[in-house]
Every structure is written in C-alpha cells, then in structure tokens.
Amino acid sequence: MLKEKPIGKVVHFYDKLGVVVVKLNKALKVGSQIKVKRGDEEFTDTVTSMQLDHESVKAGKKGQEVAVKVSRQVKEGAEIYAIK
C-alpha cells in the first residue's frame, strides 16, 4: 500500500472562527476534499473557502500559508491530505 503524502500541515487554529492556517507543500483548491489527521484523530472535509493574507483566493500554491475553514476543531501539527 502506498503511503499518502500530506499536502500541508496545520500551523495555527483559530478556535472562534473555525479556521486553520495550513502551510502548503502542494497546491490546494477551493472545492477540494481533504482529510485532516493528527494521531488517531481524523476527519474529512471540503474546502469551502480559503484566504491568503486576508484576501479570498480560489487556490493556494506550494510554500504559501493559507487560512481554510474547517468543520471541527483541529490541533496544530495536524496533517492535511488530498482525497482523490
């Protein structure tokens, strides 16, 4: 079985907003399905909105830190995977 590579890592979680800041090592688009995983905890979500420097964007590129709305609380250090 091939081991999935994370497309990004959570560097910050804004509790009140339900938003994570993700440092991307691959491109990510709004509308993408993602899996958020940290230890034994994991859930899937759809990227419904994304911001870069407080501006709404449709996609983020490798190396950028983007803010993404999530449906559950996420701890820093969680890894983000793309669902094909």
N, C-alpha and C. Protein backbone atom coordinates (compact mmCIF):
# COMPACT_ATOMS: atom_id res chain seq x y z
N MET A 1 0.84 -1.20 0.00
CA MET A 1 0.00 0.00 0.00
C MET A 1 0.88 1.26 0.00
N LEU A 2 0.55 2.18 -0.85
CA LEU A 2 1.31 3.43 -0.92
C LEU A 2 0.97 4.33 0.26
N LYS A 3 1.98 4.91 0.82
CA LYS A 3 1.74 5.85 1.92
C LYS A 3 1.43 7.22 1.33
N GLU A 4 0.33 7.78 1.79
CA GLU A 4 -0.06 9.11 1.31
C GLU A 4 0.93 10.15 1.83
N LYS A 5 1.15 11.16 1.05
CA LYS A 5 1.98 12.28 1.49
C LYS A 5 1.07 13.45 1.83
N PRO A 6 1.28 14.08 2.97
CA PRO A 6 0.43 15.23 3.29
C PRO A 6 0.69 16.38 2.32
N ILE A 7 -0.36 17.13 2.04
CA ILE A 7 -0.20 18.30 1.16
C ILE A 7 0.04 19.55 1.98
N GLY A 8 -0.10 19.42 3.30
CA GLY A 8 0.14 20.58 4.15
C GLY A 8 0.05 20.22 5.62
N LYS A 9 0.42 21.19 6.44
CA LYS A 9 0.42 20.99 7.89
C LYS A 9 -0.24 22.19 8.56
N VAL A 10 -1.03 21.92 9.59
CA VAL A 10 -1.71 22.99 10.33
C VAL A 10 -0.69 23.69 11.22
N VAL A 11 -0.53 25.00 11.02
CA VAL A 11 0.40 25.77 11.85
C VAL A 11 -0.34 26.61 12.89
N HIS A 12 -1.64 26.80 12.69
CA HIS A 12 -2.43 27.56 13.68
C HIS A 12 -3.91 27.22 13.52
N PHE A 13 -4.64 27.26 14.64
CA PHE A 13 -6.09 27.05 14.61
C PHE A 13 -6.76 28.21 15.32
N TYR A 14 -7.69 28.86 14.62
CA TYR A 14 -8.47 29.95 15.22
C TYR A 14 -9.79 29.37 15.69
N ASP A 15 -9.85 29.15 17.00
CA ASP A 15 -10.98 28.50 17.63
C ASP A 15 -12.33 29.15 17.30
N LYS A 16 -12.42 30.46 17.54
CA LYS A 16 -13.71 31.14 17.38
C LYS A 16 -14.17 31.17 15.92
N LEU A 17 -13.22 31.18 15.00
CA LEU A 17 -13.56 31.25 13.58
C LEU A 17 -13.73 29.87 12.94
N GLY A 18 -13.17 28.83 13.57
CA GLY A 18 -13.18 27.51 12.96
C GLY A 18 -12.32 27.48 11.71
N VAL A 19 -11.18 28.15 11.79
CA VAL A 19 -10.29 28.29 10.64
C VAL A 19 -8.90 27.78 11.02
N VAL A 20 -8.28 27.04 10.09
CA VAL A 20 -6.90 26.60 10.29
C VAL A 20 -6.00 27.33 9.30
N VAL A 21 -4.78 27.59 9.73
CA VAL A 21 -3.77 28.11 8.82
C VAL A 21 -2.93 26.89 8.43
N VAL A 22 -2.85 26.65 7.12
CA VAL A 22 -2.14 25.48 6.60
C VAL A 22 -0.94 25.93 5.79
N LYS A 23 0.22 25.41 6.15
CA LYS A 23 1.44 25.64 5.36
C LYS A 23 1.43 24.56 4.28
N LEU A 24 1.29 24.98 3.03
CA LEU A 24 1.14 24.04 1.92
C LEU A 24 2.47 23.58 1.36
N ASN A 25 2.56 22.27 1.06
CA ASN A 25 3.71 21.81 0.29
C ASN A 25 3.25 21.26 -1.06
N LYS A 26 1.97 21.46 -1.36
CA LYS A 26 1.38 21.17 -2.67
C LYS A 26 0.21 22.12 -2.84
N ALA A 27 -0.21 22.32 -4.07
CA ALA A 27 -1.33 23.22 -4.34
C ALA A 27 -2.63 22.65 -3.77
N LEU A 28 -3.54 23.54 -3.37
CA LEU A 28 -4.85 23.17 -2.85
C LEU A 28 -5.86 24.16 -3.39
N LYS A 29 -7.02 23.63 -3.85
CA LYS A 29 -8.05 24.49 -4.43
C LYS A 29 -9.32 24.45 -3.58
N VAL A 30 -10.08 25.54 -3.66
CA VAL A 30 -11.42 25.56 -3.05
C VAL A 30 -12.25 24.50 -3.77
N GLY A 31 -13.04 23.75 -3.01
CA GLY A 31 -13.85 22.68 -3.58
C GLY A 31 -13.20 21.32 -3.40
N SER A 32 -11.90 21.30 -3.04
CA SER A 32 -11.18 20.04 -2.84
C SER A 32 -11.68 19.33 -1.59
N GLN A 33 -11.64 18.00 -1.64
CA GLN A 33 -11.91 17.19 -0.46
C GLN A 33 -10.58 16.94 0.23
N ILE A 34 -10.56 17.13 1.54
CA ILE A 34 -9.33 16.91 2.30
C ILE A 34 -9.59 15.98 3.47
N LYS A 35 -8.52 15.37 3.94
CA LYS A 35 -8.57 14.60 5.18
C LYS A 35 -7.63 15.29 6.15
N VAL A 36 -8.12 15.52 7.37
CA VAL A 36 -7.32 16.16 8.41
C VAL A 36 -6.98 15.06 9.41
N LYS A 37 -5.69 14.91 9.69
CA LYS A 37 -5.26 13.78 10.52
C LYS A 37 -4.22 14.23 11.53
N ARG A 38 -4.44 13.81 12.78
CA ARG A 38 -3.43 14.04 13.83
C ARG A 38 -3.52 12.86 14.79
N GLY A 39 -2.50 12.06 14.82
CA GLY A 39 -2.52 10.86 15.65
C GLY A 39 -3.63 9.94 15.18
N ASP A 40 -4.50 9.52 16.10
CA ASP A 40 -5.61 8.64 15.74
C ASP A 40 -6.84 9.42 15.30
N GLU A 41 -6.81 10.74 15.48
CA GLU A 41 -7.97 11.54 15.11
C GLU A 41 -7.89 11.89 13.63
N GLU A 42 -9.00 11.66 12.91
CA GLU A 42 -9.04 12.12 11.53
C GLU A 42 -10.48 12.36 11.10
N PHE A 43 -10.67 13.27 10.19
CA PHE A 43 -11.98 13.53 9.60
C PHE A 43 -11.78 14.10 8.21
N THR A 44 -12.82 13.99 7.41
CA THR A 44 -12.75 14.55 6.07
C THR A 44 -13.59 15.82 6.02
N ASP A 45 -13.24 16.69 5.11
CA ASP A 45 -13.90 17.98 4.99
C ASP A 45 -13.78 18.43 3.54
N THR A 46 -14.57 19.42 3.18
CA THR A 46 -14.46 20.04 1.87
C THR A 46 -13.98 21.47 2.08
N VAL A 47 -13.03 21.90 1.27
CA VAL A 47 -12.53 23.27 1.37
C VAL A 47 -13.60 24.18 0.76
N THR A 48 -14.30 24.93 1.62
CA THR A 48 -15.37 25.80 1.13
C THR A 48 -14.90 27.23 0.95
N SER A 49 -13.84 27.61 1.67
CA SER A 49 -13.28 28.95 1.49
C SER A 49 -11.82 28.94 1.88
N MET A 50 -11.07 29.85 1.26
CA MET A 50 -9.64 29.93 1.51
C MET A 50 -9.22 31.39 1.42
N GLN A 51 -8.31 31.77 2.31
CA GLN A 51 -7.80 33.13 2.28
C GLN A 51 -6.28 33.11 2.33
N LEU A 52 -5.70 34.08 1.66
CA LEU A 52 -4.26 34.30 1.68
C LEU A 52 -4.06 35.77 2.00
N ASP A 53 -3.38 36.06 3.10
CA ASP A 53 -3.20 37.45 3.55
C ASP A 53 -4.53 38.20 3.64
N HIS A 54 -5.53 37.55 4.22
CA HIS A 54 -6.87 38.12 4.46
C HIS A 54 -7.64 38.43 3.18
N GLU A 55 -7.21 37.88 2.05
CA GLU A 55 -7.94 38.04 0.79
C GLU A 55 -8.44 36.67 0.37
N SER A 56 -9.71 36.60 -0.08
CA SER A 56 -10.24 35.33 -0.56
C SER A 56 -9.52 34.92 -1.84
N VAL A 57 -9.15 33.65 -1.89
CA VAL A 57 -8.50 33.10 -3.08
C VAL A 57 -9.16 31.78 -3.44
N LYS A 58 -9.00 31.38 -4.69
CA LYS A 58 -9.57 30.11 -5.17
C LYS A 58 -8.62 28.94 -4.96
N ALA A 59 -7.32 29.24 -4.80
CA ALA A 59 -6.32 28.18 -4.64
C ALA A 59 -5.10 28.72 -3.93
N GLY A 60 -4.37 27.80 -3.31
CA GLY A 60 -3.11 28.14 -2.68
C GLY A 60 -2.01 27.32 -3.33
N LYS A 61 -0.81 27.89 -3.36
CA LYS A 61 0.33 27.22 -4.00
C LYS A 61 1.31 26.70 -2.95
N LYS A 62 2.17 25.81 -3.39
CA LYS A 62 3.23 25.27 -2.54
C LYS A 62 4.00 26.41 -1.88
N GLY A 63 4.24 26.27 -0.58
CA GLY A 63 5.01 27.26 0.16
C GLY A 63 4.17 28.34 0.81
N GLN A 64 2.91 28.48 0.39
CA GLN A 64 2.05 29.51 0.97
C GLN A 64 1.40 29.01 2.25
N GLU A 65 1.02 29.96 3.10
CA GLU A 65 0.23 29.65 4.28
C GLU A 65 -1.16 30.21 4.04
N VAL A 66 -2.13 29.34 3.93
CA VAL A 66 -3.50 29.76 3.64
C VAL A 66 -4.41 29.44 4.81
N ALA A 67 -5.45 30.24 4.96
CA ALA A 67 -6.45 30.01 6.00
C ALA A 67 -7.63 29.28 5.37
N VAL A 68 -8.03 28.17 5.98
CA VAL A 68 -9.09 27.33 5.44
C VAL A 68 -10.12 27.07 6.53
N LYS A 69 -11.39 27.23 6.19
CA LYS A 69 -12.49 26.96 7.13
C LYS A 69 -12.64 25.45 7.29
N VAL A 70 -12.78 24.99 8.53
CA VAL A 70 -12.98 23.55 8.79
C VAL A 70 -14.20 23.36 9.69
N SER A 71 -14.74 22.14 9.66
CA SER A 71 -15.98 21.87 10.39
C SER A 71 -15.75 21.43 11.83
N ARG A 72 -14.52 21.10 12.18
CA ARG A 72 -14.21 20.63 13.54
C ARG A 72 -12.94 21.30 14.06
N GLN A 73 -12.75 21.16 15.35
CA GLN A 73 -11.54 21.69 15.97
C GLN A 73 -10.34 20.87 15.51
N VAL A 74 -9.25 21.54 15.26
CA VAL A 74 -8.03 20.89 14.77
C VAL A 74 -6.86 21.39 15.60
N LYS A 75 -5.98 20.48 15.99
CA LYS A 75 -4.80 20.89 16.74
C LYS A 75 -3.66 21.24 15.78
N GLU A 76 -2.80 22.14 16.24
CA GLU A 76 -1.60 22.47 15.46
C GLU A 76 -0.78 21.22 15.28
N GLY A 77 -0.19 21.09 14.11
CA GLY A 77 0.61 19.89 13.80
C GLY A 77 -0.17 18.85 13.03
N ALA A 78 -1.50 19.02 12.93
CA ALA A 78 -2.29 18.07 12.14
C ALA A 78 -1.86 18.15 10.68
N GLU A 79 -1.92 17.02 10.00
CA GLU A 79 -1.54 16.99 8.59
C GLU A 79 -2.79 16.98 7.72
N ILE A 80 -2.67 17.63 6.57
CA ILE A 80 -3.77 17.72 5.62
C ILE A 80 -3.43 16.87 4.41
N TYR A 81 -4.35 16.00 4.03
CA TYR A 81 -4.17 15.12 2.87
C TYR A 81 -5.26 15.44 1.84
N ALA A 82 -4.91 15.30 0.57
CA ALA A 82 -5.90 15.45 -0.50
C ALA A 82 -6.60 14.11 -0.68
N ILE A 83 -7.90 14.14 -0.91
CA ILE A 83 -8.65 12.93 -1.21
C ILE A 83 -8.90 12.94 -2.70
N LYS A 84 -8.47 11.90 -3.37
CA LYS A 84 -8.59 11.85 -4.84
C LYS A 84 -10.01 11.53 -5.24
